[in-house]
Amino acid sequence: MKFTVAIDGPAAAGKGTIARAVADHFGFAHLDTGLLYRATGRKVLAGMDPVEAAESLTPDDLRAPDLRSAEVAAAASRVAAIPELRAALVDFQRRFARREGGAVLDGRDTGTVICPEAEAKLYVTASDEVRARRRYDELRASGAETTLDEVLADLRARDARDAGRDVAPMRPAADALLLDTTDLSIDAAVAEAVAHITKRIGQGRD
């Protein structure tokens, strides 16, 4: 069976956690598309040309320990606005999406640009303050030195870049389920996502 789930949304809204849980529930493969851009941004920080960095990615690059750092996240947002770089990564993502056995991809333009014909789409969001607190707690747990105000400012700056870029801006697909996790537990959010996808699978069999 080929079935694509596209999950988009801003940073720290919970889309990655939901995507992994959904993939586990249905036995689908999972791809965090943001890691492609983070790994590319990390190479650019090391001095590589952005497009060359994208074209040279290996599976090991996606396992680098510092991909979740604020510096790499900011670099990922900057390189993601480069049309030639995005084009270099699109084919990989589309092939993954149509693999046999089902696939879940999470990112920022998955349902609008990468997989506009995905069978199920979700847009996961939350308030700026809640997202900043989540990301701040993650960073502090990993030993990073930062403040809540700095994290909030970084998130808002990244949202503005991602939503305002000319190429593949971050926005909900017209047919995506909007899932606001501001006041939802992770279990409740996953349950809503699973229910939506189960319905879409059933509709595909009608």
C-alpha atoms as a PDB file:
ATOM      1  CA  MET A   1       0.000   0.000   0.000  1.00  0.00           C
ATOM      2  CA  LYS A   2       1.162   3.494  -0.829  1.00  0.00           C
ATOM      3  CA  PHE A   3      -0.252   6.085   1.574  1.00  0.00           C
ATOM      4  CA  THR A   4       1.320   9.437   2.390  1.00  0.00           C
ATOM      5  CA  VAL A   5       0.751  11.435   5.569  1.00  0.00           C
ATOM      6  CA  ALA A   6       2.011  15.037   5.396  1.00  0.00           C
ATOM      7  CA  ILE A   7       2.370  16.842   8.729  1.00  0.00           C
ATOM      8  CA  ASP A   8       3.389  20.499   8.752  1.00  0.00           C
ATOM      9  CA  GLY A   9       3.669  23.288  11.270  1.00  0.00           C
ATOM     10  CA  PRO A  10       6.047  25.673  13.043  1.00  0.00           C
ATOM     11  CA  ALA A  11       8.862  24.664  15.377  1.00  0.00           C
ATOM     12  CA  ALA A  12       8.008  23.083  18.739  1.00  0.00           C
ATOM     13  CA  ALA A  13       4.315  22.690  17.938  1.00  0.00           C
ATOM     14  CA  GLY A  14       4.618  18.925  18.392  1.00  0.00           C
ATOM     15  CA  LYS A  15       4.529  17.788  14.775  1.00  0.00           C
ATOM     16  CA  GLY A  16       7.651  15.632  15.069  1.00  0.00           C
ATOM     17  CA  THR A  17       6.372  13.809  18.137  1.00  0.00           C
ATOM     18  CA  ILE A  18       2.984  13.291  16.512  1.00  0.00           C
ATOM     19  CA  ALA A  19       4.576  12.146  13.243  1.00  0.00           C
ATOM     20  CA  ARG A  20       6.705   9.534  14.996  1.00  0.00           C
ATOM     21  CA  ALA A  21       3.722   8.258  17.004  1.00  0.00           C
ATOM     22  CA  VAL A  22       1.536   8.088  13.900  1.00  0.00           C
ATOM     23  CA  ALA A  23       4.243   6.219  11.977  1.00  0.00           C
ATOM     24  CA  ASP A  24       4.583   3.719  14.826  1.00  0.00           C
ATOM     25  CA  HIS A  25       0.814   3.263  15.075  1.00  0.00           C
ATOM     26  CA  PHE A  26       0.300   2.489  11.396  1.00  0.00           C
ATOM     27  CA  GLY A  27       3.674   0.869  10.715  1.00  0.00           C
ATOM     28  CA  PHE A  28       4.627   3.586   8.227  1.00  0.00           C
ATOM     29  CA  ALA A  29       8.143   4.846   7.532  1.00  0.00           C
ATOM     30  CA  HIS A  30       8.926   8.311   8.953  1.00  0.00           C
ATOM     31  CA  LEU A  31      10.996  11.179   7.594  1.00  0.00           C
ATOM     32  CA  ASP A  32      11.665  14.391   9.497  1.00  0.00           C
ATOM     33  CA  THR A  33      12.215  16.613   6.463  1.00  0.00           C
ATOM     34  CA  GLY A  34      13.537  19.375   8.693  1.00  0.00           C
ATOM     35  CA  LEU A  35      16.589  17.232   9.408  1.00  0.00           C
ATOM     36  CA  LEU A  36      17.532  17.490   5.732  1.00  0.00           C
ATOM     37  CA  TYR A  37      17.655  21.263   6.048  1.00  0.00           C
ATOM     38  CA  ARG A  38      19.321  21.173   9.469  1.00  0.00           C
ATOM     39  CA  ALA A  39      22.025  18.840   8.171  1.00  0.00           C
ATOM     40  CA  THR A  40      22.525  21.109   5.165  1.00  0.00           C
ATOM     41  CA  GLY A  41      22.618  24.198   7.373  1.00  0.00           C
ATOM     42  CA  ARG A  42      25.212  22.517   9.579  1.00  0.00           C
ATOM     43  CA  LYS A  43      27.441  21.907   6.543  1.00  0.00           C
ATOM     44  CA  VAL A  44      26.991  25.538   5.449  1.00  0.00           C
ATOM     45  CA  LEU A  45      28.069  26.711   8.907  1.00  0.00           C
ATOM     46  CA  ALA A  46      31.219  24.638   8.364  1.00  0.00           C
ATOM     47  CA  GLY A  47      31.909  26.568   5.154  1.00  0.00           C
ATOM     48  CA  MET A  48      30.280  24.534   2.386  1.00  0.00           C
ATOM     49  CA  ASP A  49      28.302  25.975  -0.515  1.00  0.00           C
ATOM     50  CA  PRO A  50      24.554  25.495   0.270  1.00  0.00           C
ATOM     51  CA  VAL A  51      23.609  23.567  -2.875  1.00  0.00           C
ATOM     52  CA  GLU A  52      26.757  21.440  -2.695  1.00  0.00           C
ATOM     53  CA  ALA A  53      25.951  20.742   0.950  1.00  0.00           C
ATOM     54  CA  ALA A  54      22.448  19.556   0.033  1.00  0.00           C
ATOM     55  CA  GLU A  55      23.640  17.354  -2.797  1.00  0.00           C
ATOM     56  CA  SER A  56      26.295  15.709  -0.631  1.00  0.00           C
ATOM     57  CA  LEU A  57      24.057  14.686   2.293  1.00  0.00           C
ATOM     58  CA  THR A  58      24.488  11.172   3.635  1.00  0.00           C
ATOM     59  CA  PRO A  59      22.491   9.213   6.238  1.00  0.00           C
ATOM     60  CA  ASP A  60      25.291   9.902   8.740  1.00  0.00           C
ATOM     61  CA  ASP A  61      24.724  13.651   8.332  1.00  0.00           C
ATOM     62  CA  LEU A  62      21.145  13.169   9.584  1.00  0.00           C
ATOM     63  CA  ARG A  63      22.461  11.631  12.803  1.00  0.00           C
ATOM     64  CA  ALA A  64      24.823  14.459  13.798  1.00  0.00           C
ATOM     65  CA  PRO A  65      24.403  15.201  17.525  1.00  0.00           C
ATOM     66  CA  ASP A  66      24.058  18.988  17.229  1.00  0.00           C
ATOM     67  CA  LEU A  67      21.257  19.157  14.645  1.00  0.00           C
ATOM     68  CA  ARG A  68      18.806  20.402  17.303  1.00  0.00           C
ATOM     69  CA  SER A  69      20.941  23.355  18.357  1.00  0.00           C
ATOM     70  CA  ALA A  70      19.580  26.885  17.952  1.00  0.00           C
ATOM     71  CA  GLU A  71      22.501  27.838  15.689  1.00  0.00           C
ATOM     72  CA  VAL A  72      21.837  24.959  13.288  1.00  0.00           C
ATOM     73  CA  ALA A  73      18.083  25.647  13.358  1.00  0.00           C
ATOM     74  CA  ALA A  74      18.680  29.257  12.321  1.00  0.00           C
ATOM     75  CA  ALA A  75      21.027  28.141   9.546  1.00  0.00           C
ATOM     76  CA  ALA A  76      18.427  25.616   8.345  1.00  0.00           C
ATOM     77  CA  SER A  77      15.794  28.333   8.093  1.00  0.00           C
ATOM     78  CA  ARG A  78      18.141  30.536   6.056  1.00  0.00           C
ATOM     79  CA  VAL A  79      19.224  27.852   3.589  1.00  0.00           C
ATOM     80  CA  ALA A  80      15.646  26.639   3.183  1.00  0.00           C
ATOM     81  CA  ALA A  81      14.847  29.889   1.373  1.00  0.00           C
ATOM     82  CA  ILE A  82      17.314  29.066  -1.445  1.00  0.00           C
ATOM     83  CA  PRO A  83      15.328  27.728  -4.437  1.00  0.00           C
ATOM     84  CA  GLU A  84      18.182  25.672  -5.900  1.00  0.00           C
ATOM     85  CA  LEU A  85      18.815  23.992  -2.561  1.00  0.00           C
ATOM     86  CA  ARG A  86      15.152  23.115  -2.076  1.00  0.00           C
ATOM     87  CA  ALA A  87      15.035  21.613  -5.560  1.00  0.00           C
ATOM     88  CA  ALA A  88      17.999  19.394  -4.710  1.00  0.00           C
ATOM     89  CA  LEU A  89      16.084  17.882  -1.787  1.00  0.00           C
ATOM     90  CA  VAL A  90      12.572  17.640  -3.274  1.00  0.00           C
ATOM     91  CA  ASP A  91      13.091  14.466  -5.308  1.00  0.00           C
ATOM     92  CA  PHE A  92      14.429  12.569  -2.312  1.00  0.00           C
ATOM     93  CA  GLN A  93      11.417  13.548  -0.215  1.00  0.00           C
ATOM     94  CA  ARG A  94       8.908  12.654  -2.934  1.00  0.00           C
ATOM     95  CA  ARG A  95      10.435   9.237  -3.484  1.00  0.00           C
ATOM     96  CA  PHE A  96      10.290   8.578   0.232  1.00  0.00           C
ATOM     97  CA  ALA A  97       6.645   9.689   0.370  1.00  0.00           C
ATOM     98  CA  ARG A  98       5.521   7.146  -2.232  1.00  0.00           C
ATOM     99  CA  ARG A  99       7.430   4.181  -0.876  1.00  0.00           C
ATOM    100  CA  GLU A 100       5.532   0.932  -0.502  1.00  0.00           C
ATOM    101  CA  GLY A 101       4.078   0.414   2.964  1.00  0.00           C
ATOM    102  CA  GLY A 102       3.137   4.017   3.725  1.00  0.00           C
ATOM    103  CA  ALA A 103       5.114   7.073   4.803  1.00  0.00           C
ATOM    104  CA  VAL A 104       4.809   9.961   7.226  1.00  0.00           C
ATOM    105  CA  LEU A 105       6.721  13.155   6.455  1.00  0.00           C
ATOM    106  CA  ASP A 106       6.809  16.167   8.721  1.00  0.00           C
ATOM    107  CA  GLY A 107       8.097  19.610   7.838  1.00  0.00           C
ATOM    108  CA  ARG A 108       6.888  23.031   6.800  1.00  0.00           C
ATOM    109  CA  ASP A 109       5.795  22.653   3.179  1.00  0.00           C
ATOM    110  CA  THR A 110       5.126  18.926   2.963  1.00  0.00           C
ATOM    111  CA  GLY A 111       1.409  19.123   2.270  1.00  0.00           C
ATOM    112  CA  THR A 112       1.586  22.208   0.067  1.00  0.00           C
ATOM    113  CA  VAL A 113       4.711  21.690  -2.054  1.00  0.00           C
ATOM    114  CA  ILE A 114       6.436  18.340  -1.505  1.00  0.00           C
ATOM    115  CA  CYS A 115       3.358  16.093  -1.362  1.00  0.00           C
ATOM    116  CA  PRO A 116       0.319  18.166  -2.388  1.00  0.00           C
ATOM    117  CA  GLU A 117      -1.545  14.956  -3.247  1.00  0.00           C
ATOM    118  CA  ALA A 118      -0.858  13.255   0.099  1.00  0.00           C
ATOM    119  CA  GLU A 119      -3.821  11.168   1.213  1.00  0.00           C
ATOM    120  CA  ALA A 120      -3.802  12.718   4.712  1.00  0.00           C
ATOM    121  CA  LYS A 121      -2.580  16.162   5.752  1.00  0.00           C
ATOM    122  CA  LEU A 122      -2.281  17.808   9.148  1.00  0.00           C
ATOM    123  CA  TYR A 123      -1.077  21.229  10.238  1.00  0.00           C
ATOM    124  CA  VAL A 124       0.093  21.203  13.847  1.00  0.00           C
ATOM    125  CA  THR A 125       0.390  24.504  15.673  1.00  0.00           C
ATOM    126  CA  ALA A 126       0.424  26.029  19.175  1.00  0.00           C
ATOM    127  CA  SER A 127       0.766  29.466  20.729  1.00  0.00           C
ATOM    128  CA  ASP A 128       4.151  31.199  20.500  1.00  0.00           C
ATOM    129  CA  GLU A 129       4.553  31.147  24.268  1.00  0.00           C
ATOM    130  CA  VAL A 130       3.827  27.442  24.625  1.00  0.00           C
ATOM    131  CA  ARG A 131       6.145  26.553  21.764  1.00  0.00           C
ATOM    132  CA  ALA A 132       8.925  28.708  23.221  1.00  0.00           C
ATOM    133  CA  ARG A 133       8.587  27.037  26.620  1.00  0.00           C
ATOM    134  CA  ARG A 134       8.772  23.579  25.029  1.00  0.00           C
ATOM    135  CA  ARG A 135      11.855  24.436  23.014  1.00  0.00           C
ATOM    136  CA  TYR A 136      13.487  26.193  25.990  1.00  0.00           C
ATOM    137  CA  ASP A 137      12.996  23.090  28.149  1.00  0.00           C
ATOM    138  CA  GLU A 138      14.510  20.909  25.388  1.00  0.00           C
ATOM    139  CA  LEU A 139      17.530  23.157  25.017  1.00  0.00           C
ATOM    140  CA  ARG A 140      18.132  23.436  28.751  1.00  0.00           C
ATOM    141  CA  ALA A 141      17.859  19.662  29.118  1.00  0.00           C
ATOM    142  CA  SER A 142      20.573  19.285  26.497  1.00  0.00           C
ATOM    143  CA  GLY A 143      22.839  21.689  28.383  1.00  0.00           C
ATOM    144  CA  ALA A 144      22.394  24.758  26.170  1.00  0.00           C
ATOM    145  CA  GLU A 145      22.747  28.179  27.760  1.00  0.00           C
ATOM    146  CA  THR A 146      19.836  30.394  26.738  1.00  0.00           C
ATOM    147  CA  THR A 147      16.849  32.290  28.106  1.00  0.00           C
ATOM    148  CA  LEU A 148      13.136  31.903  27.471  1.00  0.00           C
ATOM    149  CA  ASP A 149      13.018  35.369  25.912  1.00  0.00           C
ATOM    150  CA  GLU A 150      15.836  34.483  23.511  1.00  0.00           C
ATOM    151  CA  VAL A 151      14.099  31.269  22.478  1.00  0.00           C
ATOM    152  CA  LEU A 152      10.802  33.103  21.934  1.00  0.00           C
ATOM    153  CA  ALA A 153      12.531  35.727  19.786  1.00  0.00           C
ATOM    154  CA  ASP A 154      14.314  33.019  17.756  1.00  0.00           C
ATOM    155  CA  LEU A 155      11.056  31.130  17.173  1.00  0.00           C
ATOM    156  CA  ARG A 156       9.225  34.246  16.029  1.00  0.00           C
ATOM    157  CA  ALA A 157      12.075  35.225  13.715  1.00  0.00           C
ATOM    158  CA  ARG A 158      12.134  31.753  12.208  1.00  0.00           C
ATOM    159  CA  ASP A 159       8.338  31.734  11.780  1.00  0.00           C
ATOM    160  CA  ALA A 160       8.569  35.046   9.940  1.00  0.00           C
ATOM    161  CA  ARG A 161      11.309  33.748   7.633  1.00  0.00           C
ATOM    162  CA  ASP A 162       9.532  30.477   6.934  1.00  0.00           C
ATOM    163  CA  ALA A 163       6.117  32.041   6.349  1.00  0.00           C
ATOM    164  CA  GLY A 164       7.442  34.996   4.364  1.00  0.00           C
ATOM    165  CA  ARG A 165       9.848  33.323   1.965  1.00  0.00           C
ATOM    166  CA  ASP A 166       9.006  33.481  -1.733  1.00  0.00           C
ATOM    167  CA  VAL A 167       9.637  29.771  -2.283  1.00  0.00           C
ATOM    168  CA  ALA A 168       7.416  27.248  -0.481  1.00  0.00           C
ATOM    169  CA  PRO A 169       6.260  29.441   2.400  1.00  0.00           C
ATOM    170  CA  MET A 170       5.065  27.721   5.562  1.00  0.00           C
ATOM    171  CA  ARG A 171       1.280  27.634   5.585  1.00  0.00           C
ATOM    172  CA  PRO A 172      -1.495  25.076   6.092  1.00  0.00           C
ATOM    173  CA  ALA A 173      -2.689  23.153   3.050  1.00  0.00           C
ATOM    174  CA  ALA A 174      -6.300  23.987   2.240  1.00  0.00           C
ATOM    175  CA  ASP A 175      -7.343  20.395   2.980  1.00  0.00           C
ATOM    176  CA  ALA A 176      -5.229  19.864   6.106  1.00  0.00           C
ATOM    177  CA  LEU A 177      -6.649  19.084   9.524  1.00  0.00           C
ATOM    178  CA  LEU A 178      -5.670  21.964  11.844  1.00  0.00           C
ATOM    179  CA  LEU A 179      -4.429  20.536  15.135  1.00  0.00           C
ATOM    180  CA  ASP A 180      -3.748  23.121  17.866  1.00  0.00           C
ATOM    181  CA  THR A 181      -1.701  21.536  20.649  1.00  0.00           C
ATOM    182  CA  THR A 182      -1.587  24.578  22.936  1.00  0.00           C
ATOM    183  CA  ASP A 183      -3.896  22.939  25.480  1.00  0.00           C
ATOM    184  CA  LEU A 184      -3.693  19.327  24.307  1.00  0.00           C
ATOM    185  CA  SER A 185      -1.689  16.540  25.900  1.00  0.00           C
ATOM    186  CA  ILE A 186       0.505  14.603  23.503  1.00  0.00           C
ATOM    187  CA  ASP A 187      -1.735  11.542  23.893  1.00  0.00           C
ATOM    188  CA  ALA A 188      -4.829  13.570  22.972  1.00  0.00           C
ATOM    189  CA  ALA A 189      -3.084  15.165  19.990  1.00  0.00           C
ATOM    190  CA  VAL A 190      -1.880  11.782  18.719  1.00  0.00           C
ATOM    191  CA  ALA A 191      -5.373  10.333  19.157  1.00  0.00           C
ATOM    192  CA  GLU A 192      -6.854  13.117  17.004  1.00  0.00           C
ATOM    193  CA  ALA A 193      -4.212  12.587  14.338  1.00  0.00           C
ATOM    194  CA  VAL A 194      -4.713   8.805  14.308  1.00  0.00           C
ATOM    195  CA  ALA A 195      -8.491   9.208  14.044  1.00  0.00           C
ATOM    196  CA  HIS A 196      -8.125  11.585  11.092  1.00  0.00           C
ATOM    197  CA  ILE A 197      -5.685   9.332   9.252  1.00  0.00           C
ATOM    198  CA  THR A 198      -7.775   6.229   9.933  1.00  0.00           C
ATOM    199  CA  LYS A 199     -10.749   8.010   8.376  1.00  0.00           C
ATOM    200  CA  ARG A 200      -8.699   8.979   5.332  1.00  0.00           C
ATOM    201  CA  ILE A 201      -7.459   5.392   4.906  1.00  0.00           C
ATOM    202  CA  GLY A 202     -11.060   4.202   5.022  1.00  0.00           C
ATOM    203  CA  GLN A 203     -12.119   6.756   2.423  1.00  0.00           C
ATOM    204  CA  GLY A 204      -9.340   5.563   0.146  1.00  0.00           C
ATOM    205  CA  ARG A 205     -10.765   2.040   0.255  1.00  0.00           C
ATOM    206  CA  ASP A 206     -14.345   3.089  -0.560  1.00  0.00           C
END
